[in-house]
Structures are given as C-alpha cells and as structure tokens.
N, C-alpha and C. Protein backbone atom coordinates (compact mmCIF):
# COMPACT_ATOMS: atom_id res chain seq x y z
N MET A 1 -14.42 -1.50 -11.41
CA MET A 1 -14.91 -1.46 -10.14
C MET A 1 -15.86 -2.97 -10.23
N ASN A 2 -15.23 -3.71 -8.86
CA ASN A 2 -16.06 -5.09 -8.73
C ASN A 2 -17.13 -4.65 -7.91
N TYR A 3 -18.66 -5.59 -8.01
CA TYR A 3 -19.36 -5.51 -6.76
C TYR A 3 -19.46 -7.34 -6.40
N HIS A 4 -20.38 -7.30 -4.97
CA HIS A 4 -20.80 -8.20 -4.34
C HIS A 4 -22.46 -8.83 -4.44
N ASN A 5 -22.67 -7.45 -4.12
CA ASN A 5 -24.37 -7.73 -4.38
C ASN A 5 -25.28 -6.15 -4.73
N ILE A 6 -26.26 -6.68 -4.69
CA ILE A 6 -27.50 -5.41 -5.05
C ILE A 6 -28.80 -6.11 -4.57
N THR A 7 -28.78 -5.33 -3.38
CA THR A 7 -29.72 -5.84 -2.64
C THR A 7 -31.27 -4.92 -2.95
N LYS A 8 -32.15 -5.15 -2.66
CA LYS A 8 -33.68 -5.14 -3.14
C LYS A 8 -34.03 -4.81 -1.77
N ASP A 9 -34.97 -3.79 -1.57
CA ASP A 9 -36.17 -3.45 -0.63
C ASP A 9 -35.45 -3.78 0.55
N ASP A 10 -33.92 -2.79 1.03
CA ASP A 10 -33.61 -3.25 2.16
C ASP A 10 -33.65 -1.96 3.11
N MET A 11 -34.14 -2.38 4.15
CA MET A 11 -34.49 -1.17 5.31
C MET A 11 -33.30 -0.77 6.49
N LEU A 12 -31.93 -1.48 6.26
CA LEU A 12 -31.29 -1.17 7.37
C LEU A 12 -30.08 -0.52 7.51
N ASN A 13 -29.98 -0.23 5.53
CA ASN A 13 -28.69 0.72 5.23
C ASN A 13 -29.41 1.98 5.01
N GLY A 14 -30.11 2.61 5.81
CA GLY A 14 -30.65 4.48 5.58
C GLY A 14 -31.86 4.47 5.47
N ASP A 15 -32.85 5.21 5.42
CA ASP A 15 -34.19 5.76 5.73
C ASP A 15 -34.99 5.07 4.66
N GLY A 16 -35.73 4.77 4.83
CA GLY A 16 -36.61 4.15 4.12
C GLY A 16 -36.10 2.83 3.10
N LEU A 17 -37.18 2.56 2.14
CA LEU A 17 -36.95 0.87 1.68
C LEU A 17 -35.45 1.19 0.47
N ARG A 18 -34.68 0.29 0.50
CA ARG A 18 -33.23 1.20 -0.51
C ARG A 18 -33.31 0.44 -1.57
N VAL A 19 -32.03 0.39 -2.33
CA VAL A 19 -31.71 -0.37 -3.20
C VAL A 19 -29.83 -0.52 -2.45
N VAL A 20 -28.71 -0.99 -2.48
CA VAL A 20 -27.97 -1.00 -1.90
C VAL A 20 -26.72 -2.10 -2.60
N LEU A 21 -26.14 -1.20 -3.09
CA LEU A 21 -24.85 -1.69 -3.77
C LEU A 21 -23.76 -1.65 -3.19
N TRP A 22 -23.42 -3.17 -2.99
CA TRP A 22 -22.16 -3.17 -2.16
C TRP A 22 -20.88 -3.45 -2.50
N VAL A 23 -19.76 -2.95 -3.16
CA VAL A 23 -18.88 -3.21 -3.74
C VAL A 23 -17.69 -3.43 -3.08
N SER A 24 -16.42 -3.95 -4.21
CA SER A 24 -15.65 -4.36 -3.46
C SER A 24 -14.72 -3.64 -3.86
N GLY A 25 -13.48 -4.05 -2.96
CA GLY A 25 -12.42 -3.00 -2.82
C GLY A 25 -12.08 -2.29 -1.09
N CYS A 26 -11.74 -2.50 -0.58
CA CYS A 26 -11.79 -2.29 1.21
C CYS A 26 -9.97 -2.49 1.22
N ALA A 27 -9.48 -1.47 1.84
CA ALA A 27 -7.81 -1.29 2.54
C ALA A 27 -8.11 -0.89 3.96
N HIS A 28 -9.23 -1.28 4.71
CA HIS A 28 -9.24 -0.19 6.16
C HIS A 28 -8.86 -1.44 7.14
N GLY A 29 -9.17 -3.03 6.48
CA GLY A 29 -9.16 -4.11 7.57
C GLY A 29 -9.20 -4.24 8.83
N CYS A 30 -11.04 -3.11 8.99
CA CYS A 30 -11.36 -3.25 10.44
C CYS A 30 -11.30 -4.50 10.67
N LYS A 31 -11.17 -4.85 12.25
CA LYS A 31 -11.27 -5.59 13.11
C LYS A 31 -12.25 -6.37 13.06
N GLY A 32 -13.39 -7.59 12.97
CA GLY A 32 -14.57 -7.62 13.05
C GLY A 32 -15.23 -7.60 12.17
N CYS A 33 -14.93 -7.16 10.95
CA CYS A 33 -15.46 -6.50 9.50
C CYS A 33 -16.90 -7.70 9.24
N HIS A 34 -18.16 -7.61 9.16
CA HIS A 34 -18.23 -8.50 8.64
C HIS A 34 -18.57 -8.53 7.17
N ASN A 35 -17.96 -7.90 6.45
CA ASN A 35 -17.84 -7.94 5.33
C ASN A 35 -16.96 -8.64 4.58
N ARG A 36 -15.65 -9.17 5.41
CA ARG A 36 -14.52 -9.19 4.48
C ARG A 36 -14.22 -9.61 3.13
N ILE A 37 -15.33 -10.18 2.92
CA ILE A 37 -15.19 -10.92 1.71
C ILE A 37 -15.13 -10.11 0.50
N THR A 38 -15.69 -9.15 0.81
CA THR A 38 -15.61 -7.38 0.05
C THR A 38 -14.01 -6.96 -0.21
N TRP A 39 -13.59 -7.30 1.08
CA TRP A 39 -12.05 -6.63 0.77
C TRP A 39 -10.70 -6.08 -0.60
N ASP A 40 -10.91 -6.97 -1.06
CA ASP A 40 -10.47 -7.82 -2.38
C ASP A 40 -10.95 -7.15 -4.15
N PRO A 41 -10.31 -6.06 -4.37
CA PRO A 41 -11.03 -4.99 -4.92
C PRO A 41 -11.42 -5.86 -6.13
N ASP A 42 -10.33 -7.01 -6.41
CA ASP A 42 -10.96 -7.99 -7.57
C ASP A 42 -11.81 -9.18 -7.46
N SER A 43 -12.21 -8.97 -5.85
CA SER A 43 -13.50 -10.39 -5.96
C SER A 43 -15.19 -9.80 -6.81
N GLY A 44 -15.87 -10.83 -6.67
CA GLY A 44 -17.27 -10.23 -6.52
C GLY A 44 -17.25 -10.32 -8.43
N LEU A 45 -18.15 -9.44 -9.00
CA LEU A 45 -18.27 -9.45 -10.19
C LEU A 45 -18.12 -8.17 -10.46
N PRO A 46 -17.84 -8.19 -12.29
CA PRO A 46 -17.77 -6.40 -12.09
C PRO A 46 -19.37 -5.53 -12.57
N PHE A 47 -19.19 -4.66 -12.02
CA PHE A 47 -20.34 -4.02 -12.40
C PHE A 47 -20.01 -2.87 -13.73
N ASP A 48 -20.82 -3.79 -14.41
CA ASP A 48 -21.53 -3.36 -16.06
C ASP A 48 -23.03 -3.10 -15.80
N ASN A 49 -23.13 -2.46 -17.61
CA ASN A 49 -24.04 -1.90 -17.48
C ASN A 49 -25.32 -2.85 -17.23
N ASP A 50 -25.25 -4.13 -17.23
CA ASP A 50 -26.64 -5.02 -16.66
C ASP A 50 -26.37 -5.02 -14.63
N ALA A 51 -25.65 -4.41 -14.38
CA ALA A 51 -26.31 -4.64 -13.11
C ALA A 51 -26.39 -2.72 -12.89
N LYS A 52 -26.39 -2.15 -13.30
CA LYS A 52 -26.39 -0.67 -13.63
C LYS A 52 -27.67 -0.58 -13.56
N GLU A 53 -28.62 -1.33 -14.55
CA GLU A 53 -29.59 -1.21 -15.27
C GLU A 53 -30.32 -1.30 -13.89
N GLU A 54 -30.20 -2.72 -13.59
CA GLU A 54 -30.93 -3.43 -12.24
C GLU A 54 -31.31 -2.16 -10.84
N ILE A 55 -30.07 -1.64 -10.80
CA ILE A 55 -30.31 -0.63 -10.30
C ILE A 55 -31.63 0.20 -10.34
N PHE A 56 -31.15 0.44 -11.30
CA PHE A 56 -32.49 1.68 -11.86
C PHE A 56 -33.79 1.30 -12.43
N THR A 57 -34.17 -0.25 -12.24
CA THR A 57 -35.12 -0.69 -12.68
C THR A 57 -36.01 -0.81 -11.00
N GLU A 58 -34.63 -0.85 -9.93
CA GLU A 58 -35.11 -0.77 -8.55
C GLU A 58 -35.28 0.25 -8.38
N LEU A 59 -34.67 1.91 -8.96
CA LEU A 59 -35.04 2.86 -8.32
C LEU A 59 -36.19 3.51 -9.52
N GLU A 60 -36.43 3.24 -9.77
CA GLU A 60 -37.78 3.51 -10.85
C GLU A 60 -39.20 3.41 -9.92
N LYS A 61 -38.94 2.90 -8.76
CA LYS A 61 -40.40 2.28 -8.41
C LYS A 61 -40.66 3.07 -7.48
N ASP A 62 -41.96 3.85 -7.25
CA ASP A 62 -42.01 5.05 -6.39
C ASP A 62 -42.22 4.48 -4.94
N TYR A 63 -41.78 3.17 -4.37
CA TYR A 63 -41.77 3.12 -2.79
C TYR A 63 -40.18 3.17 -2.34
N ILE A 64 -39.39 2.90 -3.05
CA ILE A 64 -37.63 2.77 -3.02
C ILE A 64 -37.64 4.12 -3.12
N SER A 65 -36.90 4.77 -1.68
CA SER A 65 -36.21 5.31 -1.29
C SER A 65 -35.08 6.43 -1.74
N GLY A 66 -34.14 5.02 -2.33
CA GLY A 66 -33.26 6.00 -3.12
C GLY A 66 -31.99 4.89 -2.80
N LEU A 67 -30.58 5.12 -2.95
CA LEU A 67 -29.66 4.31 -3.54
C LEU A 67 -28.41 4.45 -1.91
N THR A 68 -27.72 3.14 -1.63
CA THR A 68 -26.86 3.02 -0.57
C THR A 68 -25.63 2.11 -1.77
N LEU A 69 -24.47 2.90 -1.43
CA LEU A 69 -23.05 2.36 -1.57
C LEU A 69 -22.53 1.86 -0.55
N SER A 70 -22.27 0.87 -0.24
CA SER A 70 -21.83 0.06 0.27
C SER A 70 -20.43 -1.04 -0.09
N GLY A 71 -20.08 -1.41 1.02
CA GLY A 71 -19.00 -2.31 0.23
C GLY A 71 -18.44 -3.40 2.06
N GLY A 72 -16.80 -3.32 1.13
CA GLY A 72 -16.16 -3.26 1.02
C GLY A 72 -16.34 -1.29 1.35
N ASP A 73 -15.54 -0.76 0.60
CA ASP A 73 -15.68 0.73 0.21
C ASP A 73 -15.72 1.40 -1.00
N PRO A 74 -16.85 2.13 -0.92
CA PRO A 74 -17.20 3.07 -1.68
C PRO A 74 -15.92 3.75 -2.74
N LEU A 75 -15.54 4.30 -1.42
CA LEU A 75 -14.14 5.23 -1.90
C LEU A 75 -13.23 4.58 -2.00
N PHE A 76 -12.91 4.08 -1.81
CA PHE A 76 -11.22 2.57 -2.22
C PHE A 76 -10.67 3.48 -3.53
N PRO A 77 -9.96 3.93 -3.05
CA PRO A 77 -9.36 4.71 -4.37
C PRO A 77 -9.85 3.99 -5.72
N GLY A 78 -9.57 2.70 -6.22
CA GLY A 78 -10.14 2.45 -7.35
C GLY A 78 -11.62 2.22 -7.85
N ASN A 79 -12.39 2.70 -6.70
CA ASN A 79 -13.84 2.25 -6.74
C ASN A 79 -14.43 3.93 -7.14
N ARG A 80 -13.42 5.45 -6.89
CA ARG A 80 -13.58 6.27 -6.70
C ARG A 80 -14.04 6.78 -8.51
N SER A 81 -13.86 6.18 -9.74
CA SER A 81 -14.32 6.80 -10.86
C SER A 81 -15.74 6.37 -11.31
N CYS A 82 -16.25 5.19 -11.20
CA CYS A 82 -16.82 4.17 -11.19
C CYS A 82 -18.43 5.12 -10.09
N ILE A 83 -18.17 5.46 -9.01
CA ILE A 83 -18.66 5.42 -8.23
C ILE A 83 -19.57 7.12 -8.18
N GLU A 84 -18.32 7.89 -9.15
CA GLU A 84 -18.84 9.31 -9.28
C GLU A 84 -19.19 8.92 -10.65
N ASN A 85 -19.47 8.05 -11.03
CA ASN A 85 -20.53 8.01 -12.47
C ASN A 85 -21.81 7.84 -12.01
N LEU A 86 -21.70 6.62 -11.55
CA LEU A 86 -22.74 6.35 -11.39
C LEU A 86 -23.91 6.91 -10.52
N VAL A 87 -23.08 7.63 -9.43
CA VAL A 87 -24.07 8.96 -8.72
C VAL A 87 -24.52 10.35 -9.29
N ARG A 88 -23.61 9.94 -10.28
CA ARG A 88 -23.65 11.55 -10.73
C ARG A 88 -24.95 10.79 -11.37
N GLU A 89 -25.40 9.68 -12.46
CA GLU A 89 -26.61 9.76 -13.33
C GLU A 89 -27.48 9.09 -12.34
N VAL A 90 -27.51 8.58 -11.47
CA VAL A 90 -28.69 8.52 -10.64
C VAL A 90 -29.20 9.52 -10.11
N LYS A 91 -28.83 11.14 -9.85
CA LYS A 91 -29.48 11.92 -9.61
C LYS A 91 -29.41 12.95 -10.76
N ASP A 92 -29.01 12.46 -11.97
CA ASP A 92 -29.74 13.02 -12.95
C ASP A 92 -31.20 12.15 -12.82
N ARG A 93 -31.27 11.41 -13.39
CA ARG A 93 -32.11 10.08 -13.56
C ARG A 93 -33.78 10.18 -12.64
N PHE A 94 -32.95 10.50 -11.31
CA PHE A 94 -33.65 10.41 -10.07
C PHE A 94 -33.51 11.30 -8.69
N PRO A 95 -34.19 12.62 -9.71
CA PRO A 95 -33.37 14.20 -8.73
C PRO A 95 -33.88 13.70 -7.61
N ASP A 96 -35.74 12.96 -6.70
CA ASP A 96 -35.97 13.10 -5.83
C ASP A 96 -35.41 11.78 -4.82
N LYS A 97 -34.49 11.17 -5.22
CA LYS A 97 -33.78 9.59 -4.28
C LYS A 97 -32.70 10.35 -3.46
N THR A 98 -32.68 9.95 -2.39
CA THR A 98 -31.40 9.49 -1.94
C THR A 98 -30.79 8.62 -1.70
N ILE A 99 -29.02 9.48 -2.05
CA ILE A 99 -28.00 8.31 -2.14
C ILE A 99 -27.15 8.46 -0.34
N TRP A 100 -27.14 7.46 -0.05
CA TRP A 100 -26.45 7.65 0.80
C TRP A 100 -25.03 6.43 0.77
N LEU A 101 -24.09 7.04 0.92
CA LEU A 101 -22.56 6.30 1.34
C LEU A 101 -22.27 5.84 2.54
N TYR A 102 -21.60 4.79 2.54
CA TYR A 102 -20.93 3.87 3.53
C TYR A 102 -19.31 4.24 3.82
N THR A 103 -18.60 4.64 4.21
CA THR A 103 -16.78 4.50 3.89
C THR A 103 -16.10 4.46 5.65
N GLY A 104 -15.28 4.26 5.21
CA GLY A 104 -14.45 3.74 6.21
C GLY A 104 -13.47 4.85 6.53
N TYR A 105 -13.28 6.43 5.38
CA TYR A 105 -12.72 7.27 5.95
C TYR A 105 -13.15 8.05 6.54
N ASP A 106 -12.88 9.07 7.36
CA ASP A 106 -12.87 9.90 7.82
C ASP A 106 -13.57 11.15 7.06
N TRP A 107 -15.03 12.13 7.36
CA TRP A 107 -15.28 13.30 7.37
C TRP A 107 -14.43 14.25 7.15
N GLU A 108 -13.42 14.40 7.22
CA GLU A 108 -12.50 15.37 7.81
C GLU A 108 -11.58 15.37 6.49
N THR A 109 -10.93 14.29 5.75
CA THR A 109 -9.95 13.60 4.76
C THR A 109 -10.71 13.85 3.71
N ILE A 110 -12.10 13.55 3.38
CA ILE A 110 -13.04 13.44 1.76
C ILE A 110 -13.83 14.19 1.81
N LYS A 111 -13.77 14.95 2.73
CA LYS A 111 -15.43 16.16 2.33
C LYS A 111 -14.42 16.52 1.01
N ASP A 112 -13.76 17.12 0.26
CA ASP A 112 -13.50 18.25 -0.80
C ASP A 112 -13.79 16.90 -2.15
N LEU A 113 -13.93 15.87 -2.12
CA LEU A 113 -13.78 14.53 -3.03
C LEU A 113 -14.69 15.45 -3.94
N PRO A 114 -14.61 15.76 -5.35
CA PRO A 114 -16.09 15.88 -5.89
C PRO A 114 -16.86 14.94 -6.31
N LEU A 115 -17.01 13.80 -5.56
CA LEU A 115 -18.35 12.86 -6.10
C LEU A 115 -19.50 13.02 -4.87
N LEU A 116 -18.96 13.75 -3.68
CA LEU A 116 -19.28 13.93 -2.76
C LEU A 116 -20.99 14.80 -2.81
N GLN A 117 -20.84 16.11 -4.07
CA GLN A 117 -21.93 16.20 -4.27
C GLN A 117 -23.21 15.66 -4.79
N TYR A 118 -23.41 14.54 -4.72
CA TYR A 118 -24.60 13.98 -5.37
C TYR A 118 -24.48 13.18 -4.71
N ILE A 119 -23.84 12.93 -3.11
CA ILE A 119 -24.21 12.41 -1.94
C ILE A 119 -24.95 13.15 -1.19
N ASP A 120 -25.91 12.32 -0.13
CA ASP A 120 -26.95 13.23 0.49
C ASP A 120 -26.26 13.01 1.97
N VAL A 121 -26.35 11.85 1.99
CA VAL A 121 -26.19 10.90 3.51
C VAL A 121 -24.71 10.19 3.61
N LEU A 122 -23.82 10.37 4.71
CA LEU A 122 -22.68 10.34 4.89
C LEU A 122 -22.74 9.19 6.01
N ILE A 123 -22.16 7.92 6.04
CA ILE A 123 -21.64 7.41 7.29
C ILE A 123 -20.41 7.26 7.19
N ASP A 124 -19.33 7.57 8.39
CA ASP A 124 -17.99 7.86 8.04
C ASP A 124 -17.51 7.15 9.34
N GLY A 125 -16.04 6.84 8.77
CA GLY A 125 -15.40 5.72 10.35
C GLY A 125 -15.21 5.03 9.69
N ARG A 126 -14.70 3.61 10.35
CA ARG A 126 -14.09 2.05 10.44
C ARG A 126 -14.75 2.32 11.68
N PHE A 127 -15.27 0.95 11.11
CA PHE A 127 -15.96 0.32 12.17
C PHE A 127 -14.82 -0.28 13.44
N VAL A 128 -15.30 -0.12 14.64
CA VAL A 128 -14.25 -0.43 15.59
C VAL A 128 -15.37 -1.64 16.28
N GLU A 129 -15.10 -2.65 16.76
CA GLU A 129 -15.13 -4.03 17.04
C GLU A 129 -15.66 -3.49 18.98
N SER A 130 -14.98 -2.96 19.45
CA SER A 130 -14.86 -2.93 21.07
C SER A 130 -16.45 -1.60 20.70
N LEU A 131 -16.57 -1.01 20.12
CA LEU A 131 -17.73 0.56 20.40
C LEU A 131 -19.22 -0.45 19.21
N ARG A 132 -18.88 -1.47 18.92
CA ARG A 132 -19.87 -1.77 18.60
C ARG A 132 -21.49 -2.06 19.11
N ASP A 133 -22.27 -1.41 18.30
CA ASP A 133 -23.44 -1.31 19.41
C ASP A 133 -24.80 -1.71 18.47
N SER A 134 -25.00 -3.06 18.66
CA SER A 134 -26.44 -3.34 17.61
C SER A 134 -27.30 -2.61 18.07
N LYS A 135 -28.00 -1.47 18.86
CA LYS A 135 -28.92 -1.06 18.94
C LYS A 135 -28.90 0.66 17.86
N LEU A 136 -27.57 0.53 17.66
CA LEU A 136 -27.57 1.87 16.57
C LEU A 136 -28.24 1.99 15.21
N HIS A 137 -29.27 2.99 14.70
CA HIS A 137 -29.35 2.94 13.36
C HIS A 137 -28.25 3.05 12.86
N TRP A 138 -28.57 2.29 11.43
CA TRP A 138 -27.66 2.42 10.54
C TRP A 138 -25.65 2.69 10.95
N ARG A 139 -25.67 1.94 11.25
CA ARG A 139 -24.18 1.99 11.82
C ARG A 139 -23.61 0.68 12.75
N GLY A 140 -22.63 0.67 12.20
CA GLY A 140 -21.97 -0.92 12.98
C GLY A 140 -21.45 -0.32 14.36
N SER A 141 -20.98 1.00 14.24
CA SER A 141 -19.76 1.23 16.12
C SER A 141 -20.00 3.04 16.46
N SER A 142 -20.43 3.16 17.49
CA SER A 142 -20.76 4.08 17.68
C SER A 142 -19.83 5.49 17.07
N ASN A 143 -18.64 4.95 17.04
CA ASN A 143 -17.51 6.20 16.26
C ASN A 143 -18.02 6.88 14.74
N GLN A 144 -18.87 6.17 14.46
CA GLN A 144 -18.82 5.90 13.28
C GLN A 144 -20.58 7.12 13.06
N ARG A 145 -20.24 7.98 12.08
CA ARG A 145 -21.29 9.46 12.24
C ARG A 145 -21.85 9.43 11.23
N ILE A 146 -22.92 10.19 10.97
CA ILE A 146 -23.86 10.15 10.24
C ILE A 146 -24.13 12.12 9.61
N ILE A 147 -23.69 12.06 8.41
CA ILE A 147 -23.60 13.29 7.96
C ILE A 147 -24.22 13.71 7.02
N ASP A 148 -24.90 14.95 6.94
CA ASP A 148 -25.92 15.38 5.89
C ASP A 148 -24.78 16.26 5.35
N VAL A 149 -24.65 15.39 4.01
CA VAL A 149 -23.64 16.37 3.23
C VAL A 149 -23.86 17.10 2.41
N LYS A 150 -25.08 17.58 2.23
CA LYS A 150 -25.77 18.70 1.41
C LYS A 150 -25.37 19.83 2.44
N ASN A 151 -25.64 19.71 3.73
CA ASN A 151 -25.43 20.70 4.85
C ASN A 151 -24.33 20.73 5.53
N GLN A 152 -23.17 20.41 5.24
CA GLN A 152 -22.05 19.26 5.51
C GLN A 152 -22.51 19.58 7.18
N SER A 153 -23.37 18.86 7.81
CA SER A 153 -23.26 18.88 9.27
C SER A 153 -23.36 17.49 9.60
N ILE A 154 -23.08 17.57 11.03
CA ILE A 154 -22.86 16.26 11.24
C ILE A 154 -24.36 15.75 11.84
N LEU A 155 -24.88 14.69 11.50
CA LEU A 155 -26.97 15.02 12.51
C LEU A 155 -26.38 14.17 13.58
N PHE A 156 -25.18 12.97 14.35
CA PHE A 156 -24.72 11.89 15.39
C PHE A 156 -23.29 12.39 15.37
N ARG A 157 -22.84 12.72 16.55
CA ARG A 157 -21.54 12.89 16.90
C ARG A 157 -21.48 11.79 17.92
N THR A 158 -20.13 11.70 18.32
CA THR A 158 -19.73 10.86 19.67
C THR A 158 -18.52 11.44 20.06
N SER A 159 -18.47 10.93 21.04
CA SER A 159 -17.20 12.16 22.13
C SER A 159 -16.12 10.33 22.07
N LYS A 160 -16.39 9.36 21.61
CA LYS A 160 -15.44 8.04 21.88
C LYS A 160 -14.28 8.62 20.85
N SER A 161 -13.22 7.84 20.85
CA SER A 161 -12.39 7.73 20.34
C SER A 161 -12.02 6.66 19.66
N CYS A 162 -11.48 6.12 18.47
CA CYS A 162 -11.41 4.58 17.86
C CYS A 162 -10.04 4.73 17.48
N ASN A 163 -9.20 5.08 17.65
CA ASN A 163 -7.76 5.17 17.76
C ASN A 163 -7.43 3.67 17.71
N GLN A 164 -7.20 3.18 19.10
CA GLN A 164 -6.98 2.40 19.63
C GLN A 164 -7.60 0.85 19.12
N GLU A 165 -8.24 1.09 18.58
CA GLU A 165 -8.47 -0.24 17.96
C GLU A 165 -9.23 -0.78 16.43
N ASN A 166 -7.91 0.62 15.38
CA ASN A 166 -8.22 0.41 14.21
C ASN A 166 -6.78 -0.62 13.79
N ASP A 167 -6.65 -1.61 14.10
CA ASP A 167 -6.31 -2.21 13.82
C ASP A 167 -6.01 -3.37 12.68
N LYS A 168 -5.26 -3.80 12.12
CA LYS A 168 -5.72 -4.71 11.18
C LYS A 168 -5.90 -6.34 11.55
N THR A 169 -6.61 -7.25 10.78
CA THR A 169 -6.30 -8.63 11.86
C THR A 169 -6.13 -9.33 10.39
C-alpha cells in the first residue's frame, strides 16, 4: 500500500484532534473529488515501518483522539490487508483511541469485512458533487452516512439519492 500524507492535529476528519493517514488507491472516480491525486494506487510513498511509527508516535500523545483513514480509499481492494494489519495494531497498542474510516463503498456492501471489527466510525458513500454541502460535519456530500460500526447503527441518514451523480470524470 502507498500513502500520500500523514496529517497531525487534524480537526476536520473525525471527532477531536486526530492523526489522518491519506492512502493511495481509489476506483470510485467521483466527479469533483478533491483528492484525485490519490486515485492511483502506485502514487505517493510506500507505507513502511517508518510511516507506521510516525502514526504511533502521534497516537501516544494524550490529546490525540485517534486515527482517521482516508485517501484515496482505505478499502480499495489492494489496501485492505495493510489497513487491517494497521488497525489491528492500533487497537492493540492504543485501545482507548478511536479509528474512523472514510470509504466510497456503501455500508451494506462492506459491513462483513473482517477489518471493520477494528473501526469505530465509518463514513460511507461516494462523494456526489451535486450534494456537496460545506456545512456538513465530517462529510463532503449529504448522501454520505456516519456509521457507528460497533453498534451497527447509522448516526446520520439522508433520504437523498446519489445514483445520477456517480459518474466518473
């Protein structure tokens, strides 16, 4: 797996101050995506032990709430094994930290993935440019849902459909 950046002290991608890992690889091709550079799974840098230790060093700080995985798409098929290993180790070493994961996949299609047992909150759904709303907390478009994975409950639900806007550019 490759990654583009590790953001520290982030307040926009989850609750509290967070460390964000921006992974490479995404097949959704959402129109209006602000991270197109992360679509190519071969772009960025290899996610190696140094990158992992950089994340762990940040997670050791008591004021950091947890880790957020974004990109790209952490659940891009080529990323899943590495992501599962990472989140398992984060939960083992930092059980009180939360893990948030952003994905373009819908909850209903991924809810049985084994790695989700380590995820606390999942934001699902493709970014839909016509449903973009800058007032939303933690989401780019109103079709995306905030899901409490442990309780398998949707914390935010919308009735808007996104089917007509899911085309690639």
